[in-house]
Amino acid sequence: MLHIPSVEEWWRLTDKYPQFRQPSNLTLKEYGYMRLFELIEEQRPKRVLEYGHGFSPTLFEYCLKHGIEIWGVDDHMDLHYFPPKEVWYENHKRILRDQFPGAKFILGQLGTRQDTMKELPKSYFDLVCSVSVLEEIGDEGTILSILKHAGTLLKPGGMFANTHDIVFENPRRSKLLVNWLRAAGFDVELTHREAEILNGSSRYVPWNRALLENPTQAMLCYNLGDLDRMFSGHWSTLFSCVTKAGQAGVAHLISEAAGELDRRNAREIAARDDSERRAVEGGPAGARLRAEITRLEGELAELHRQLATTRAYVGILD
């Protein structure tokens, strides 16, 4: 699922969660939390992990109030708007750890630190999520590591939900996110309308109705540089919610791959038989058949590799 919000949606959500119905310089972040609230109410996960939460108490307060087990993982990062490390740790303790003793907080980062991988239980969470975090990361390898690690933490069928801030009408990052999610092993199926986002945000929601960040806030916080700072464009956010393939889904993949393997084997045998009958001719027809056999053998080898990879993935889930 992909979604870019409109102002009307913000109005609807702030009717449900009136604490957010006020002028704000954190419009996109607040939208992200409201959308997570609604997702939690619809899907009722029992165990939730938020990564990259900073000092935000929003989801911890909500989950503990509703009897949901909530974990958080984050640590100081050398970004231009972060306070010094000692101040960051002091704020983290004062605002989160001391205020929410029922939550489990881990100082770490998904995908990039071995200590974090050891501390977080695998196949444990029903929902792993973040709000306006992934856009901070420019390195593709780091993002893939985060997404793959998140996948190991989810139960089969668990949800991975994020808001990823984007420059409106620039589809590059949206396309990359979809590719990264698929590469990390998540089920990503888009409706025709959702797929339009990959061709440009205004194809999904007109820009004069889209929920946009305060441009002065974007200029101060999102755009780097000092005297020569330039505005990169109006920012909106992309909400995505995808699932980890369950055993049934993986078994279906194996069945499909095995069936295709059988069909390719049958075609190769038929081609060999035909080749044996006609190879004696030594003419162009025999050469074409031999080329076809070589091509089929290559496809069979690739299918064997994919089948082995899928079965290995089932072993991980088990």
C-alpha atoms as a PDB file:
ATOM      1  CA  MET A   1       0.000   0.000   0.000  1.00  0.00           C
ATOM      2  CA  LEU A   2       1.224   3.478  -0.963  1.00  0.00           C
ATOM      3  CA  HIS A   3      -0.558   6.695  -0.093  1.00  0.00           C
ATOM      4  CA  ILE A   4       0.063  10.461  -0.250  1.00  0.00           C
ATOM      5  CA  PRO A   5      -2.265  12.368   2.106  1.00  0.00           C
ATOM      6  CA  SER A   6      -4.538  15.271   1.303  1.00  0.00           C
ATOM      7  CA  VAL A   7      -5.540  18.158   3.547  1.00  0.00           C
ATOM      8  CA  GLU A   8      -9.034  16.646   3.717  1.00  0.00           C
ATOM      9  CA  GLU A   9      -7.546  13.462   5.159  1.00  0.00           C
ATOM     10  CA  TRP A  10      -5.661  15.506   7.754  1.00  0.00           C
ATOM     11  CA  TRP A  11      -8.982  17.112   8.693  1.00  0.00           C
ATOM     12  CA  ARG A  12     -10.674  13.704   9.017  1.00  0.00           C
ATOM     13  CA  LEU A  13      -7.877  12.298  11.167  1.00  0.00           C
ATOM     14  CA  THR A  14      -7.723  15.344  13.422  1.00  0.00           C
ATOM     15  CA  ASP A  15     -11.420  14.840  14.085  1.00  0.00           C
ATOM     16  CA  LYS A  16     -10.545  11.374  15.443  1.00  0.00           C
ATOM     17  CA  TYR A  17      -7.381  12.593  17.200  1.00  0.00           C
ATOM     18  CA  PRO A  18      -8.165  16.220  18.156  1.00  0.00           C
ATOM     19  CA  GLN A  19      -4.864  16.748  19.985  1.00  0.00           C
ATOM     20  CA  PHE A  20      -3.352  17.273  16.514  1.00  0.00           C
ATOM     21  CA  ARG A  21      -5.924  19.811  15.257  1.00  0.00           C
ATOM     22  CA  GLN A  22      -3.776  22.909  15.588  1.00  0.00           C
ATOM     23  CA  PRO A  23      -1.274  24.915  13.512  1.00  0.00           C
ATOM     24  CA  SER A  24       2.033  23.082  13.419  1.00  0.00           C
ATOM     25  CA  ASN A  25       5.517  23.023  11.945  1.00  0.00           C
ATOM     26  CA  LEU A  26       5.467  19.220  12.259  1.00  0.00           C
ATOM     27  CA  THR A  27       2.479  18.535  10.029  1.00  0.00           C
ATOM     28  CA  LEU A  28       3.941  15.499   8.259  1.00  0.00           C
ATOM     29  CA  LYS A  29       5.216  13.865  11.441  1.00  0.00           C
ATOM     30  CA  GLU A  30       1.890  14.339  13.187  1.00  0.00           C
ATOM     31  CA  TYR A  31       0.076  12.908  10.167  1.00  0.00           C
ATOM     32  CA  GLY A  32       2.344   9.856  10.333  1.00  0.00           C
ATOM     33  CA  TYR A  33       1.406   9.161  13.933  1.00  0.00           C
ATOM     34  CA  MET A  34      -2.304   9.612  13.275  1.00  0.00           C
ATOM     35  CA  ARG A  35      -2.048   7.176  10.370  1.00  0.00           C
ATOM     36  CA  LEU A  36      -0.275   4.654  12.611  1.00  0.00           C
ATOM     37  CA  PHE A  37      -2.967   5.072  15.282  1.00  0.00           C
ATOM     38  CA  GLU A  38      -5.621   4.243  12.693  1.00  0.00           C
ATOM     39  CA  LEU A  39      -3.640   1.273  11.370  1.00  0.00           C
ATOM     40  CA  ILE A  40      -3.233  -0.110  14.896  1.00  0.00           C
ATOM     41  CA  GLU A  41      -6.951   0.262  15.569  1.00  0.00           C
ATOM     42  CA  GLU A  42      -7.750  -1.596  12.342  1.00  0.00           C
ATOM     43  CA  GLN A  43      -5.185  -4.408  12.646  1.00  0.00           C
ATOM     44  CA  ARG A  44      -4.785  -4.683  16.458  1.00  0.00           C
ATOM     45  CA  PRO A  45      -1.106  -5.700  16.687  1.00  0.00           C
ATOM     46  CA  LYS A  46       0.014  -6.966  20.087  1.00  0.00           C
ATOM     47  CA  ARG A  47       3.708  -6.092  19.792  1.00  0.00           C
ATOM     48  CA  VAL A  48       4.984  -2.921  18.141  1.00  0.00           C
ATOM     49  CA  LEU A  49       8.499  -1.624  17.461  1.00  0.00           C
ATOM     50  CA  GLU A  50       9.159   1.986  16.466  1.00  0.00           C
ATOM     51  CA  TYR A  51      12.613   2.825  15.137  1.00  0.00           C
ATOM     52  CA  GLY A  52      14.081   6.305  14.757  1.00  0.00           C
ATOM     53  CA  HIS A  53      11.591   7.880  17.176  1.00  0.00           C
ATOM     54  CA  GLY A  54      13.988  10.482  18.597  1.00  0.00           C
ATOM     55  CA  PHE A  55      12.359  12.106  21.627  1.00  0.00           C
ATOM     56  CA  SER A  56       8.775  11.638  20.430  1.00  0.00           C
ATOM     57  CA  PRO A  57       6.559  10.097  23.142  1.00  0.00           C
ATOM     58  CA  THR A  58       3.541   9.909  20.829  1.00  0.00           C
ATOM     59  CA  LEU A  59       3.402   6.208  19.946  1.00  0.00           C
ATOM     60  CA  PHE A  60       4.675   5.023  23.344  1.00  0.00           C
ATOM     61  CA  GLU A  61       1.948   6.901  25.162  1.00  0.00           C
ATOM     62  CA  TYR A  62      -0.710   5.625  22.755  1.00  0.00           C
ATOM     63  CA  CYS A  63       0.340   1.958  22.855  1.00  0.00           C
ATOM     64  CA  LEU A  64       0.750   1.752  26.624  1.00  0.00           C
ATOM     65  CA  LYS A  65      -2.649   3.408  27.078  1.00  0.00           C
ATOM     66  CA  HIS A  66      -4.196   0.684  24.884  1.00  0.00           C
ATOM     67  CA  GLY A  67      -2.354  -2.258  26.435  1.00  0.00           C
ATOM     68  CA  ILE A  68       0.006  -2.835  23.500  1.00  0.00           C
ATOM     69  CA  GLU A  69       3.591  -3.979  24.050  1.00  0.00           C
ATOM     70  CA  ILE A  70       5.822  -1.253  22.628  1.00  0.00           C
ATOM     71  CA  TRP A  71       9.567  -1.174  21.962  1.00  0.00           C
ATOM     72  CA  GLY A  72      11.714   1.676  20.675  1.00  0.00           C
ATOM     73  CA  VAL A  73      15.147   1.655  19.087  1.00  0.00           C
ATOM     74  CA  ASP A  74      17.136   4.791  18.310  1.00  0.00           C
ATOM     75  CA  ASP A  75      20.498   6.435  19.022  1.00  0.00           C
ATOM     76  CA  HIS A  76      22.338   9.662  18.442  1.00  0.00           C
ATOM     77  CA  MET A  77      23.246  10.336  14.820  1.00  0.00           C
ATOM     78  CA  ASP A  78      25.623  12.929  13.451  1.00  0.00           C
ATOM     79  CA  LEU A  79      22.976  14.954  11.644  1.00  0.00           C
ATOM     80  CA  HIS A  80      23.175  18.727  11.445  1.00  0.00           C
ATOM     81  CA  TYR A  81      20.084  19.328  13.596  1.00  0.00           C
ATOM     82  CA  PHE A  82      20.980  16.802  16.351  1.00  0.00           C
ATOM     83  CA  PRO A  83      22.094  18.175  19.741  1.00  0.00           C
ATOM     84  CA  PRO A  84      25.458  17.087  21.207  1.00  0.00           C
ATOM     85  CA  LYS A  85      25.564  13.444  22.304  1.00  0.00           C
ATOM     86  CA  GLU A  86      25.428  14.103  26.038  1.00  0.00           C
ATOM     87  CA  VAL A  87      22.383  16.347  25.583  1.00  0.00           C
ATOM     88  CA  TRP A  88      20.710  13.770  23.350  1.00  0.00           C
ATOM     89  CA  TYR A  89      21.138  10.970  25.913  1.00  0.00           C
ATOM     90  CA  GLU A  90      19.938  13.207  28.743  1.00  0.00           C
ATOM     91  CA  ASN A  91      16.796  14.148  26.781  1.00  0.00           C
ATOM     92  CA  HIS A  92      16.175  10.525  25.795  1.00  0.00           C
ATOM     93  CA  LYS A  93      16.233   9.476  29.433  1.00  0.00           C
ATOM     94  CA  ARG A  94      14.160  12.385  30.731  1.00  0.00           C
ATOM     95  CA  ILE A  95      11.502  12.428  28.001  1.00  0.00           C
ATOM     96  CA  LEU A  96      11.155   8.710  27.251  1.00  0.00           C
ATOM     97  CA  ARG A  97      12.817   6.257  29.631  1.00  0.00           C
ATOM     98  CA  ASP A  98      11.736   7.996  32.837  1.00  0.00           C
ATOM     99  CA  GLN A  99       8.220   8.752  31.589  1.00  0.00           C
ATOM    100  CA  PHE A 100       7.386   5.347  30.055  1.00  0.00           C
ATOM    101  CA  PRO A 101       8.827   2.564  32.246  1.00  0.00           C
ATOM    102  CA  GLY A 102       6.408   0.105  30.649  1.00  0.00           C
ATOM    103  CA  ALA A 103       8.113   0.490  27.262  1.00  0.00           C
ATOM    104  CA  LYS A 104      11.333  -1.221  26.217  1.00  0.00           C
ATOM    105  CA  PHE A 105      13.976   1.212  24.903  1.00  0.00           C
ATOM    106  CA  ILE A 106      17.150   0.116  23.120  1.00  0.00           C
ATOM    107  CA  LEU A 107      19.988   2.427  22.171  1.00  0.00           C
ATOM    108  CA  GLY A 108      20.847   1.257  18.686  1.00  0.00           C
ATOM    109  CA  GLN A 109      20.028   1.334  14.990  1.00  0.00           C
ATOM    110  CA  LEU A 110      18.318  -1.199  12.765  1.00  0.00           C
ATOM    111  CA  GLY A 111      20.389  -3.002  10.190  1.00  0.00           C
ATOM    112  CA  THR A 112      23.775  -1.433  10.849  1.00  0.00           C
ATOM    113  CA  ARG A 113      24.839  -2.484  14.352  1.00  0.00           C
ATOM    114  CA  GLN A 114      25.499  -5.991  15.620  1.00  0.00           C
ATOM    115  CA  ASP A 115      24.597  -5.109  19.210  1.00  0.00           C
ATOM    116  CA  THR A 116      21.129  -4.008  18.077  1.00  0.00           C
ATOM    117  CA  MET A 117      20.641  -7.204  16.077  1.00  0.00           C
ATOM    118  CA  LYS A 118      21.432  -9.266  19.181  1.00  0.00           C
ATOM    119  CA  GLU A 119      19.095  -7.293  21.456  1.00  0.00           C
ATOM    120  CA  LEU A 120      15.998  -7.347  19.251  1.00  0.00           C
ATOM    121  CA  PRO A 121      14.099 -10.679  19.088  1.00  0.00           C
ATOM    122  CA  LYS A 122      13.486 -12.224  15.680  1.00  0.00           C
ATOM    123  CA  SER A 123       9.993 -13.049  14.386  1.00  0.00           C
ATOM    124  CA  TYR A 124       8.518 -11.285  17.413  1.00  0.00           C
ATOM    125  CA  PHE A 125       6.707  -8.113  16.336  1.00  0.00           C
ATOM    126  CA  ASP A 126       3.356  -7.657  14.629  1.00  0.00           C
ATOM    127  CA  LEU A 127       4.240  -4.131  13.501  1.00  0.00           C
ATOM    128  CA  VAL A 128       7.586  -2.429  12.876  1.00  0.00           C
ATOM    129  CA  CYS A 129       7.210   1.238  11.977  1.00  0.00           C
ATOM    130  CA  SER A 130       8.767   4.674  11.641  1.00  0.00           C
ATOM    131  CA  VAL A 131       7.605   8.233  11.067  1.00  0.00           C
ATOM    132  CA  SER A 132       9.640  10.537   8.804  1.00  0.00           C
ATOM    133  CA  VAL A 133      12.884   8.595   9.245  1.00  0.00           C
ATOM    134  CA  LEU A 134      13.936   6.849   6.030  1.00  0.00           C
ATOM    135  CA  GLU A 135      14.295  10.071   4.025  1.00  0.00           C
ATOM    136  CA  GLU A 136      17.230  10.976   6.290  1.00  0.00           C
ATOM    137  CA  ILE A 137      19.256   8.100   4.839  1.00  0.00           C
ATOM    138  CA  GLY A 138      20.940   8.521   1.481  1.00  0.00           C
ATOM    139  CA  ASP A 139      22.973   5.334   1.275  1.00  0.00           C
ATOM    140  CA  GLU A 140      21.111   2.537  -0.515  1.00  0.00           C
ATOM    141  CA  GLY A 141      23.032  -0.231   1.262  1.00  0.00           C
ATOM    142  CA  THR A 142      22.110   1.186   4.666  1.00  0.00           C
ATOM    143  CA  ILE A 143      18.421   1.397   3.780  1.00  0.00           C
ATOM    144  CA  LEU A 144      18.382  -2.175   2.472  1.00  0.00           C
ATOM    145  CA  SER A 145      20.066  -3.361   5.676  1.00  0.00           C
ATOM    146  CA  ILE A 146      17.402  -1.586   7.749  1.00  0.00           C
ATOM    147  CA  LEU A 147      14.533  -3.051   5.718  1.00  0.00           C
ATOM    148  CA  LYS A 148      15.960  -6.568   5.766  1.00  0.00           C
ATOM    149  CA  HIS A 149      16.564  -6.385   9.518  1.00  0.00           C
ATOM    150  CA  ALA A 150      12.989  -5.184  10.018  1.00  0.00           C
ATOM    151  CA  GLY A 151      11.801  -8.208   8.058  1.00  0.00           C
ATOM    152  CA  THR A 152      13.617 -10.596  10.415  1.00  0.00           C
ATOM    153  CA  LEU A 153      11.949  -8.960  13.425  1.00  0.00           C
ATOM    154  CA  LEU A 154       8.412  -9.389  12.086  1.00  0.00           C
ATOM    155  CA  LYS A 155       6.269 -12.457  12.491  1.00  0.00           C
ATOM    156  CA  PRO A 156       5.130 -14.009   9.188  1.00  0.00           C
ATOM    157  CA  GLY A 157       2.369 -11.754   7.939  1.00  0.00           C
ATOM    158  CA  GLY A 158       3.589  -8.886  10.143  1.00  0.00           C
ATOM    159  CA  MET A 159       3.314  -5.290   8.944  1.00  0.00           C
ATOM    160  CA  PHE A 160       6.096  -2.845   8.066  1.00  0.00           C
ATOM    161  CA  ALA A 161       4.653   0.667   7.995  1.00  0.00           C
ATOM    162  CA  ASN A 162       6.446   3.968   7.429  1.00  0.00           C
ATOM    163  CA  THR A 163       5.947   7.541   6.398  1.00  0.00           C
ATOM    164  CA  HIS A 164       8.769   8.621   4.113  1.00  0.00           C
ATOM    165  CA  ASP A 165       8.896  12.359   3.419  1.00  0.00           C
ATOM    166  CA  ILE A 166       9.277  13.206  -0.275  1.00  0.00           C
ATOM    167  CA  VAL A 167       9.664  16.267  -2.457  1.00  0.00           C
ATOM    168  CA  PHE A 168       6.238  16.581  -4.031  1.00  0.00           C
ATOM    169  CA  GLU A 169       6.091  15.712  -7.741  1.00  0.00           C
ATOM    170  CA  ASN A 170       9.576  14.157  -7.708  1.00  0.00           C
ATOM    171  CA  PRO A 171       8.892  10.407  -8.035  1.00  0.00           C
ATOM    172  CA  ARG A 172      12.514   9.258  -7.791  1.00  0.00           C
ATOM    173  CA  ARG A 173      12.499   8.433  -4.079  1.00  0.00           C
ATOM    174  CA  SER A 174       9.070   6.766  -4.268  1.00  0.00           C
ATOM    175  CA  LYS A 175      10.307   4.429  -7.003  1.00  0.00           C
ATOM    176  CA  LEU A 176      13.446   3.644  -5.012  1.00  0.00           C
ATOM    177  CA  LEU A 177      11.434   2.859  -1.877  1.00  0.00           C
ATOM    178  CA  VAL A 178       9.240   0.364  -3.728  1.00  0.00           C
ATOM    179  CA  ASN A 179      12.323  -1.304  -5.217  1.00  0.00           C
ATOM    180  CA  TRP A 180      14.039  -1.444  -1.818  1.00  0.00           C
ATOM    181  CA  LEU A 181      10.984  -2.985  -0.140  1.00  0.00           C
ATOM    182  CA  ARG A 182      10.757  -5.666  -2.802  1.00  0.00           C
ATOM    183  CA  ALA A 183      14.495  -6.355  -2.623  1.00  0.00           C
ATOM    184  CA  ALA A 184      14.160  -6.759   1.152  1.00  0.00           C
ATOM    185  CA  GLY A 185      11.573  -9.503   0.674  1.00  0.00           C
ATOM    186  CA  PHE A 186       8.323  -7.695   1.462  1.00  0.00           C
ATOM    187  CA  ASP A 187       5.071  -8.276  -0.403  1.00  0.00           C
ATOM    188  CA  VAL A 188       4.482  -5.085  -2.410  1.00  0.00           C
ATOM    189  CA  GLU A 189       1.338  -5.132  -4.513  1.00  0.00           C
ATOM    190  CA  LEU A 190       0.107  -1.818  -5.893  1.00  0.00           C
ATOM    191  CA  THR A 191      -3.295  -0.924  -7.219  1.00  0.00           C
ATOM    192  CA  HIS A 192      -3.406   0.958 -10.500  1.00  0.00           C
ATOM    193  CA  ARG A 193      -4.031   4.198  -8.604  1.00  0.00           C
ATOM    194  CA  GLU A 194      -1.174   3.572  -6.165  1.00  0.00           C
ATOM    195  CA  ALA A 195       1.162   2.860  -9.056  1.00  0.00           C
ATOM    196  CA  GLU A 196       0.401   6.342 -10.404  1.00  0.00           C
ATOM    197  CA  ILE A 197       2.454   7.749  -7.501  1.00  0.00           C
ATOM    198  CA  LEU A 198       5.548   6.352  -9.214  1.00  0.00           C
ATOM    199  CA  ASN A 199       4.828   8.610 -12.205  1.00  0.00           C
ATOM    200  CA  GLY A 200       4.357  11.764 -10.144  1.00  0.00           C
ATOM    201  CA  SER A 201       2.606  12.749  -6.925  1.00  0.00           C
ATOM    202  CA  SER A 202      -0.005  14.959  -8.588  1.00  0.00           C
ATOM    203  CA  ARG A 203      -1.299  11.963 -10.537  1.00  0.00           C
ATOM    204  CA  TYR A 204      -2.455  10.610  -7.159  1.00  0.00           C
ATOM    205  CA  VAL A 205      -3.501  13.805  -5.387  1.00  0.00           C
ATOM    206  CA  PRO A 206      -3.554  17.333  -6.914  1.00  0.00           C
ATOM    207  CA  TRP A 207      -0.773  19.412  -5.450  1.00  0.00           C
ATOM    208  CA  ASN A 208      -3.202  22.144  -4.350  1.00  0.00           C
ATOM    209  CA  ARG A 209      -4.977  19.546  -2.160  1.00  0.00           C
ATOM    210  CA  ALA A 210      -1.929  17.616  -0.927  1.00  0.00           C
ATOM    211  CA  LEU A 211      -0.798  17.801   2.677  1.00  0.00           C
ATOM    212  CA  LEU A 212       2.469  19.755   2.573  1.00  0.00           C
ATOM    213  CA  GLU A 213       5.047  20.703   5.162  1.00  0.00           C
ATOM    214  CA  ASN A 214       5.405  24.369   6.124  1.00  0.00           C
ATOM    215  CA  PRO A 215       7.979  25.520   3.523  1.00  0.00           C
ATOM    216  CA  THR A 216       9.829  27.678   6.042  1.00  0.00           C
ATOM    217  CA  GLN A 217      10.223  24.630   8.285  1.00  0.00           C
ATOM    218  CA  ALA A 218      11.436  22.621   5.285  1.00  0.00           C
ATOM    219  CA  MET A 219      13.911  25.349   4.357  1.00  0.00           C
ATOM    220  CA  LEU A 220      15.372  25.449   7.846  1.00  0.00           C
ATOM    221  CA  CYS A 221      15.450  21.715   8.584  1.00  0.00           C
ATOM    222  CA  TYR A 222      15.540  19.806   5.285  1.00  0.00           C
ATOM    223  CA  ASN A 223      17.842  21.928   3.144  1.00  0.00           C
ATOM    224  CA  LEU A 224      21.557  22.019   3.914  1.00  0.00           C
ATOM    225  CA  GLY A 225      23.951  24.935   3.516  1.00  0.00           C
ATOM    226  CA  ASP A 226      24.109  28.421   4.944  1.00  0.00           C
ATOM    227  CA  LEU A 227      24.286  31.549   2.781  1.00  0.00           C
ATOM    228  CA  ASP A 228      23.747  29.650  -0.478  1.00  0.00           C
ATOM    229  CA  ARG A 229      20.868  27.494   0.766  1.00  0.00           C
ATOM    230  CA  MET A 230      18.286  26.752  -1.947  1.00  0.00           C
ATOM    231  CA  PHE A 231      14.725  25.473  -1.601  1.00  0.00           C
ATOM    232  CA  SER A 232      14.449  21.920  -2.920  1.00  0.00           C
ATOM    233  CA  GLY A 233      10.664  21.965  -3.307  1.00  0.00           C
ATOM    234  CA  HIS A 234       7.465  21.460  -1.346  1.00  0.00           C
ATOM    235  CA  TRP A 235       7.546  18.371   0.880  1.00  0.00           C
ATOM    236  CA  SER A 236       4.770  15.868   1.425  1.00  0.00           C
ATOM    237  CA  THR A 237       4.963  12.340   2.798  1.00  0.00           C
ATOM    238  CA  LEU A 238       4.491   8.832   1.401  1.00  0.00           C
ATOM    239  CA  PHE A 239       2.749   6.353   3.693  1.00  0.00           C
ATOM    240  CA  SER A 240       3.594   2.727   2.945  1.00  0.00           C
ATOM    241  CA  CYS A 241       2.382  -0.452   4.615  1.00  0.00           C
ATOM    242  CA  VAL A 242       3.648  -3.821   3.402  1.00  0.00           C
ATOM    243  CA  THR A 243       3.670  -7.310   4.884  1.00  0.00           C
ATOM    244  CA  LYS A 244       6.217  -9.996   5.512  1.00  0.00           C
ATOM    245  CA  ALA A 245       5.453 -13.102   3.460  1.00  0.00           C
ATOM    246  CA  GLY A 246       3.967 -15.839   5.637  1.00  0.00           C
ATOM    247  CA  GLN A 247       4.487 -19.574   5.308  1.00  0.00           C
ATOM    248  CA  ALA A 248       1.465 -19.913   3.051  1.00  0.00           C
ATOM    249  CA  GLY A 249       2.754 -17.206   0.747  1.00  0.00           C
ATOM    250  CA  VAL A 250       6.218 -18.714   0.545  1.00  0.00           C
ATOM    251  CA  ALA A 251       4.793 -22.200   0.012  1.00  0.00           C
ATOM    252  CA  HIS A 252       2.798 -20.804  -2.903  1.00  0.00           C
ATOM    253  CA  LEU A 253       6.004 -19.355  -4.366  1.00  0.00           C
ATOM    254  CA  ILE A 254       7.722 -22.728  -4.041  1.00  0.00           C
ATOM    255  CA  SER A 255       4.787 -24.474  -5.686  1.00  0.00           C
ATOM    256  CA  GLU A 256       4.835 -22.039  -8.598  1.00  0.00           C
ATOM    257  CA  ALA A 257       8.598 -22.346  -9.017  1.00  0.00           C
ATOM    258  CA  ALA A 258       8.470 -26.151  -8.857  1.00  0.00           C
ATOM    259  CA  GLY A 259       5.656 -26.248 -11.426  1.00  0.00           C
ATOM    260  CA  GLU A 260       7.595 -24.009 -13.772  1.00  0.00           C
ATOM    261  CA  LEU A 261      10.643 -26.204 -13.254  1.00  0.00           C
ATOM    262  CA  ASP A 262       8.648 -29.294 -14.280  1.00  0.00           C
ATOM    263  CA  ARG A 263       7.365 -27.527 -17.387  1.00  0.00           C
ATOM    264  CA  ARG A 264      10.874 -26.427 -18.363  1.00  0.00           C
ATOM    265  CA  ASN A 265      12.195 -29.960 -17.804  1.00  0.00           C
ATOM    266  CA  ALA A 266       9.486 -31.340 -20.094  1.00  0.00           C
ATOM    267  CA  ARG A 267      10.363 -28.786 -22.761  1.00  0.00           C
ATOM    268  CA  GLU A 268      14.048 -29.614 -22.514  1.00  0.00           C
ATOM    269  CA  ILE A 269      13.368 -33.358 -22.855  1.00  0.00           C
ATOM    270  CA  ALA A 270      11.163 -32.751 -25.877  1.00  0.00           C
ATOM    271  CA  ALA A 271      13.803 -30.517 -27.410  1.00  0.00           C
ATOM    272  CA  ARG A 272      16.514 -33.141 -26.819  1.00  0.00           C
ATOM    273  CA  ASP A 273      14.390 -35.871 -28.394  1.00  0.00           C
ATOM    274  CA  ASP A 274      13.728 -33.706 -31.399  1.00  0.00           C
ATOM    275  CA  SER A 275      17.387 -32.803 -31.577  1.00  0.00           C
ATOM    276  CA  GLU A 276      18.435 -36.441 -31.572  1.00  0.00           C
ATOM    277  CA  ARG A 277      16.091 -37.164 -34.449  1.00  0.00           C
ATOM    278  CA  ARG A 278      17.307 -34.235 -36.498  1.00  0.00           C
ATOM    279  CA  ALA A 279      20.884 -33.645 -35.397  1.00  0.00           C
ATOM    280  CA  VAL A 280      22.093 -36.075 -38.035  1.00  0.00           C
ATOM    281  CA  GLU A 281      20.991 -33.552 -40.594  1.00  0.00           C
ATOM    282  CA  GLY A 282      23.636 -31.132 -39.322  1.00  0.00           C
ATOM    283  CA  GLY A 283      21.792 -28.256 -40.941  1.00  0.00           C
ATOM    284  CA  PRO A 284      20.412 -24.937 -39.641  1.00  0.00           C
ATOM    285  CA  ALA A 285      17.433 -26.617 -37.954  1.00  0.00           C
ATOM    286  CA  GLY A 286      19.756 -28.724 -35.800  1.00  0.00           C
ATOM    287  CA  ALA A 287      21.791 -25.653 -34.855  1.00  0.00           C
ATOM    288  CA  ARG A 288      18.646 -23.805 -33.804  1.00  0.00           C
ATOM    289  CA  LEU A 289      17.543 -26.722 -31.657  1.00  0.00           C
ATOM    290  CA  ARG A 290      20.926 -26.907 -29.957  1.00  0.00           C
ATOM    291  CA  ALA A 291      20.770 -23.180 -29.251  1.00  0.00           C
ATOM    292  CA  GLU A 292      17.283 -23.623 -27.794  1.00  0.00           C
ATOM    293  CA  ILE A 293      18.525 -26.430 -25.541  1.00  0.00           C
ATOM    294  CA  THR A 294      21.373 -24.243 -24.303  1.00  0.00           C
ATOM    295  CA  ARG A 295      18.937 -21.435 -23.525  1.00  0.00           C
ATOM    296  CA  LEU A 296      16.566 -23.788 -21.681  1.00  0.00           C
ATOM    297  CA  GLU A 297      19.422 -25.227 -19.661  1.00  0.00           C
ATOM    298  CA  GLY A 298      20.357 -21.713 -18.544  1.00  0.00           C
ATOM    299  CA  GLU A 299      16.767 -20.967 -17.522  1.00  0.00           C
ATOM    300  CA  LEU A 300      16.573 -24.261 -15.611  1.00  0.00           C
ATOM    301  CA  ALA A 301      19.752 -23.440 -13.723  1.00  0.00           C
ATOM    302  CA  GLU A 302      18.313 -20.037 -12.726  1.00  0.00           C
ATOM    303  CA  LEU A 303      15.039 -21.626 -11.586  1.00  0.00           C
ATOM    304  CA  HIS A 304      16.960 -24.160  -9.499  1.00  0.00           C
ATOM    305  CA  ARG A 305      18.812 -21.260  -7.870  1.00  0.00           C
ATOM    306  CA  GLN A 306      15.590 -19.342  -7.138  1.00  0.00           C
ATOM    307  CA  LEU A 307      13.935 -22.454  -5.718  1.00  0.00           C
ATOM    308  CA  ALA A 308      16.901 -23.106  -3.435  1.00  0.00           C
ATOM    309  CA  THR A 309      16.819 -19.481  -2.250  1.00  0.00           C
ATOM    310  CA  THR A 310      13.084 -19.641  -1.513  1.00  0.00           C
ATOM    311  CA  ARG A 311      13.443 -22.905   0.403  1.00  0.00           C
ATOM    312  CA  ALA A 312      16.293 -21.420   2.387  1.00  0.00           C
ATOM    313  CA  TYR A 313      14.010 -18.495   3.267  1.00  0.00           C
ATOM    314  CA  VAL A 314      11.368 -20.935   4.526  1.00  0.00           C
ATOM    315  CA  GLY A 315      14.063 -22.492   6.697  1.00  0.00           C
ATOM    316  CA  ILE A 316      14.732 -19.060   8.209  1.00  0.00           C
ATOM    317  CA  LEU A 317      11.028 -18.581   8.962  1.00  0.00           C
ATOM    318  CA  ASP A 318      10.885 -22.002  10.602  1.00  0.00           C
END
